[in-house]
Amino acid sequence: MIVRKAEGRKRAWLIGLAVAVVAIAGLIFMPSTSSGGTALAGPGDTDSDGVPDAIDNCVFDPNPGQEDTDGAGLGDACDPDDDGDG
């Protein structure tokens, strides 16, 4: 019983830590539009569209809006079949 409580507390602590890391990363890498409406590139932003590569659905082609018309997970800017019609 004591072992299970310790495991549960450890798991809760790790989940809390993960949530905090994600929240901090979101603040650090949040796209900014403070330069006249154009998103600023941040660390790890290969295409300079203001969206970090880790969450960018089209890493090599700028697409700050992250449009994905067909919902395939690949941004319209680099999806040869962006409407999903085959």
N, C-alpha and C. Protein backbone atom coordinates (compact mmCIF):
# COMPACT_ATOMS: atom_id res chain seq x y z
N MET A 1 0.83 -1.20 0.00
CA MET A 1 0.00 0.00 0.00
C MET A 1 0.87 1.26 0.00
N ILE A 2 1.90 1.27 0.82
CA ILE A 2 2.79 2.43 0.89
C ILE A 2 3.54 2.61 -0.44
N VAL A 3 3.95 1.51 -1.03
CA VAL A 3 4.66 1.57 -2.30
C VAL A 3 3.77 2.17 -3.39
N ARG A 4 2.52 1.78 -3.43
CA ARG A 4 1.60 2.31 -4.44
C ARG A 4 1.37 3.80 -4.27
N LYS A 5 1.27 4.27 -3.03
CA LYS A 5 1.10 5.71 -2.80
C LYS A 5 2.32 6.47 -3.28
N ALA A 6 3.52 5.93 -3.00
CA ALA A 6 4.74 6.58 -3.45
C ALA A 6 4.81 6.63 -4.97
N GLU A 7 4.43 5.54 -5.63
CA GLU A 7 4.43 5.51 -7.10
C GLU A 7 3.43 6.52 -7.66
N GLY A 8 2.28 6.61 -7.03
CA GLY A 8 1.25 7.57 -7.48
C GLY A 8 1.72 9.01 -7.33
N ARG A 9 2.39 9.30 -6.21
CA ARG A 9 2.92 10.66 -6.01
C ARG A 9 4.02 10.98 -7.00
N LYS A 10 4.88 10.00 -7.27
CA LYS A 10 5.95 10.20 -8.24
C LYS A 10 5.36 10.45 -9.63
N ARG A 11 4.37 9.67 -10.00
CA ARG A 11 3.72 9.83 -11.30
C ARG A 11 3.06 11.22 -11.40
N ALA A 12 2.37 11.63 -10.35
CA ALA A 12 1.72 12.94 -10.35
C ALA A 12 2.75 14.06 -10.47
N TRP A 13 3.89 13.89 -9.79
CA TRP A 13 4.95 14.89 -9.83
C TRP A 13 5.52 14.98 -11.25
N LEU A 14 5.74 13.84 -11.88
CA LEU A 14 6.29 13.83 -13.24
C LEU A 14 5.32 14.45 -14.24
N ILE A 15 4.03 14.18 -14.07
CA ILE A 15 3.03 14.78 -14.94
C ILE A 15 3.02 16.30 -14.76
N GLY A 16 3.08 16.73 -13.51
CA GLY A 16 3.13 18.17 -13.23
C GLY A 16 4.35 18.83 -13.83
N LEU A 17 5.48 18.16 -13.73
CA LEU A 17 6.72 18.69 -14.31
C LEU A 17 6.60 18.78 -15.83
N ALA A 18 6.05 17.76 -16.46
CA ALA A 18 5.87 17.77 -17.91
C ALA A 18 4.97 18.92 -18.35
N VAL A 19 3.89 19.14 -17.63
CA VAL A 19 2.97 20.23 -17.95
C VAL A 19 3.68 21.58 -17.82
N ALA A 20 4.49 21.73 -16.77
CA ALA A 20 5.22 22.98 -16.57
C ALA A 20 6.22 23.22 -17.69
N VAL A 21 6.93 22.18 -18.11
CA VAL A 21 7.91 22.32 -19.19
C VAL A 21 7.22 22.72 -20.49
N VAL A 22 6.10 22.09 -20.79
CA VAL A 22 5.36 22.42 -22.00
C VAL A 22 4.86 23.86 -21.94
N ALA A 23 4.37 24.29 -20.79
CA ALA A 23 3.88 25.66 -20.65
C ALA A 23 5.00 26.67 -20.84
N ILE A 24 6.15 26.41 -20.25
CA ILE A 24 7.29 27.32 -20.39
C ILE A 24 7.77 27.34 -21.84
N ALA A 25 7.85 26.18 -22.47
CA ALA A 25 8.27 26.12 -23.87
C ALA A 25 7.30 26.91 -24.75
N GLY A 26 6.02 26.83 -24.45
CA GLY A 26 5.03 27.58 -25.22
C GLY A 26 5.23 29.08 -25.11
N LEU A 27 5.65 29.56 -23.94
CA LEU A 27 5.91 30.98 -23.75
C LEU A 27 7.19 31.40 -24.47
N ILE A 28 8.20 30.55 -24.43
CA ILE A 28 9.48 30.88 -25.05
C ILE A 28 9.37 30.89 -26.56
N PHE A 29 8.69 29.89 -27.13
CA PHE A 29 8.65 29.73 -28.58
C PHE A 29 7.37 30.25 -29.23
N MET A 30 6.55 30.98 -28.47
CA MET A 30 5.29 31.50 -29.00
C MET A 30 5.57 32.45 -30.16
N PRO A 31 4.92 32.24 -31.29
CA PRO A 31 5.13 33.16 -32.41
C PRO A 31 4.76 34.58 -32.03
N SER A 32 5.54 35.51 -32.49
CA SER A 32 5.30 36.91 -32.19
C SER A 32 4.93 37.65 -33.47
N THR A 33 4.03 38.59 -33.35
CA THR A 33 3.66 39.39 -34.52
C THR A 33 3.96 40.86 -34.24
N SER A 34 5.00 41.12 -33.46
CA SER A 34 5.31 42.49 -33.07
C SER A 34 6.06 43.27 -34.13
N SER A 35 6.37 42.68 -35.27
CA SER A 35 7.10 43.39 -36.31
C SER A 35 6.17 43.72 -37.49
N GLY A 36 5.15 44.48 -37.21
CA GLY A 36 4.25 44.90 -38.27
C GLY A 36 3.40 43.79 -38.85
N GLY A 37 3.04 42.81 -38.05
CA GLY A 37 2.16 41.75 -38.50
C GLY A 37 2.86 40.54 -39.07
N THR A 38 4.18 40.55 -39.15
CA THR A 38 4.93 39.41 -39.66
C THR A 38 5.49 38.63 -38.49
N ALA A 39 5.25 37.33 -38.46
CA ALA A 39 5.75 36.51 -37.38
C ALA A 39 7.27 36.49 -37.38
N LEU A 40 7.85 36.55 -36.19
CA LEU A 40 9.30 36.52 -36.05
C LEU A 40 9.78 35.09 -35.91
N ALA A 41 10.89 34.78 -36.54
CA ALA A 41 11.47 33.44 -36.41
C ALA A 41 12.13 33.30 -35.05
N GLY A 42 12.02 32.13 -34.47
CA GLY A 42 12.64 31.85 -33.19
C GLY A 42 13.60 30.69 -33.33
N PRO A 43 14.16 30.23 -32.21
CA PRO A 43 15.08 29.10 -32.25
C PRO A 43 14.39 27.86 -32.84
N GLY A 44 15.08 27.18 -33.74
CA GLY A 44 14.52 25.96 -34.31
C GLY A 44 13.36 26.23 -35.26
N ASP A 45 13.45 27.30 -36.03
CA ASP A 45 12.40 27.65 -36.98
C ASP A 45 13.02 27.73 -38.37
N THR A 46 13.18 26.58 -39.01
CA THR A 46 13.89 26.46 -40.28
C THR A 46 13.33 27.38 -41.37
N ASP A 47 12.00 27.46 -41.49
CA ASP A 47 11.40 28.26 -42.57
C ASP A 47 11.09 29.70 -42.16
N SER A 48 11.46 30.09 -40.95
CA SER A 48 11.29 31.48 -40.46
C SER A 48 9.85 31.97 -40.54
N ASP A 49 8.88 31.08 -40.26
CA ASP A 49 7.48 31.51 -40.29
C ASP A 49 6.93 31.82 -38.90
N GLY A 50 7.78 31.73 -37.87
CA GLY A 50 7.33 32.03 -36.52
C GLY A 50 6.79 30.83 -35.78
N VAL A 51 6.79 29.65 -36.40
CA VAL A 51 6.30 28.43 -35.76
C VAL A 51 7.49 27.50 -35.54
N PRO A 52 7.78 27.12 -34.28
CA PRO A 52 8.93 26.25 -34.02
C PRO A 52 8.83 24.93 -34.79
N ASP A 53 9.97 24.46 -35.28
CA ASP A 53 10.01 23.22 -36.06
C ASP A 53 9.32 22.06 -35.34
N ALA A 54 9.41 22.02 -34.02
CA ALA A 54 8.84 20.91 -33.26
C ALA A 54 7.34 20.78 -33.45
N ILE A 55 6.66 21.88 -33.77
CA ILE A 55 5.20 21.83 -33.95
C ILE A 55 4.76 22.30 -35.33
N ASP A 56 5.72 22.62 -36.20
CA ASP A 56 5.43 23.12 -37.55
C ASP A 56 4.99 21.95 -38.44
N ASN A 57 3.86 22.11 -39.13
CA ASN A 57 3.38 21.03 -40.00
C ASN A 57 3.97 21.10 -41.41
N CYS A 58 4.86 22.03 -41.62
CA CYS A 58 5.54 22.17 -42.91
C CYS A 58 6.86 22.91 -42.64
N VAL A 59 7.87 22.18 -42.22
CA VAL A 59 9.11 22.76 -41.69
C VAL A 59 9.90 23.58 -42.71
N PHE A 60 9.90 23.18 -43.98
CA PHE A 60 10.75 23.85 -44.96
C PHE A 60 10.04 24.90 -45.80
N ASP A 61 8.73 25.04 -45.68
CA ASP A 61 7.97 26.05 -46.42
C ASP A 61 7.22 26.93 -45.43
N PRO A 62 7.39 28.25 -45.51
CA PRO A 62 6.71 29.14 -44.57
C PRO A 62 5.19 29.02 -44.65
N ASN A 63 4.57 28.81 -43.51
CA ASN A 63 3.10 28.77 -43.41
C ASN A 63 2.71 29.13 -41.98
N PRO A 64 2.78 30.41 -41.63
CA PRO A 64 2.52 30.83 -40.25
C PRO A 64 1.13 30.47 -39.75
N GLY A 65 0.14 30.32 -40.64
CA GLY A 65 -1.21 29.97 -40.21
C GLY A 65 -1.40 28.48 -39.99
N GLN A 66 -0.44 27.65 -40.41
CA GLN A 66 -0.49 26.20 -40.24
C GLN A 66 -1.74 25.58 -40.87
N GLU A 67 -2.18 26.14 -42.01
CA GLU A 67 -3.35 25.60 -42.70
C GLU A 67 -3.12 24.14 -43.11
N ASP A 68 -4.13 23.31 -42.90
CA ASP A 68 -4.08 21.89 -43.26
C ASP A 68 -5.49 21.50 -43.70
N THR A 69 -5.85 21.88 -44.91
CA THR A 69 -7.21 21.72 -45.42
C THR A 69 -7.74 20.30 -45.34
N ASP A 70 -6.90 19.32 -45.70
CA ASP A 70 -7.38 17.94 -45.71
C ASP A 70 -7.17 17.21 -44.38
N GLY A 71 -6.59 17.88 -43.37
CA GLY A 71 -6.41 17.27 -42.06
C GLY A 71 -5.42 16.12 -42.03
N ALA A 72 -4.51 16.08 -43.00
CA ALA A 72 -3.55 14.98 -43.10
C ALA A 72 -2.33 15.16 -42.20
N GLY A 73 -2.22 16.33 -41.55
CA GLY A 73 -1.07 16.59 -40.70
C GLY A 73 0.09 17.23 -41.42
N LEU A 74 -0.04 17.43 -42.72
CA LEU A 74 0.97 18.10 -43.53
C LEU A 74 0.37 19.42 -44.00
N GLY A 75 1.08 20.51 -43.75
CA GLY A 75 0.56 21.83 -44.09
C GLY A 75 0.29 22.00 -45.57
N ASP A 76 -0.70 22.82 -45.90
CA ASP A 76 -1.07 23.06 -47.30
C ASP A 76 0.11 23.58 -48.12
N ALA A 77 1.01 24.34 -47.49
CA ALA A 77 2.14 24.92 -48.21
C ALA A 77 3.07 23.86 -48.80
N CYS A 78 3.09 22.66 -48.24
CA CYS A 78 3.97 21.62 -48.74
C CYS A 78 3.26 20.30 -49.02
N ASP A 79 1.93 20.32 -49.05
CA ASP A 79 1.13 19.12 -49.31
C ASP A 79 0.71 19.11 -50.77
N PRO A 80 1.21 18.15 -51.58
CA PRO A 80 0.84 18.14 -53.00
C PRO A 80 -0.65 17.86 -53.23
N ASP A 81 -1.33 17.29 -52.24
CA ASP A 81 -2.76 17.01 -52.35
C ASP A 81 -3.46 17.64 -51.15
N ASP A 82 -3.44 18.96 -51.08
CA ASP A 82 -3.93 19.65 -49.88
C ASP A 82 -5.44 19.60 -49.69
N ASP A 83 -6.20 19.16 -50.71
CA ASP A 83 -7.65 19.06 -50.51
C ASP A 83 -8.09 17.62 -50.29
N GLY A 84 -7.15 16.68 -50.32
CA GLY A 84 -7.46 15.28 -50.00
C GLY A 84 -8.26 14.54 -51.03
N ASP A 85 -8.26 15.01 -52.28
CA ASP A 85 -9.09 14.35 -53.29
C ASP A 85 -8.34 13.25 -54.06
N GLY A 86 -7.12 12.95 -53.62
CA GLY A 86 -6.37 11.87 -54.25
C GLY A 86 -5.42 12.37 -55.23
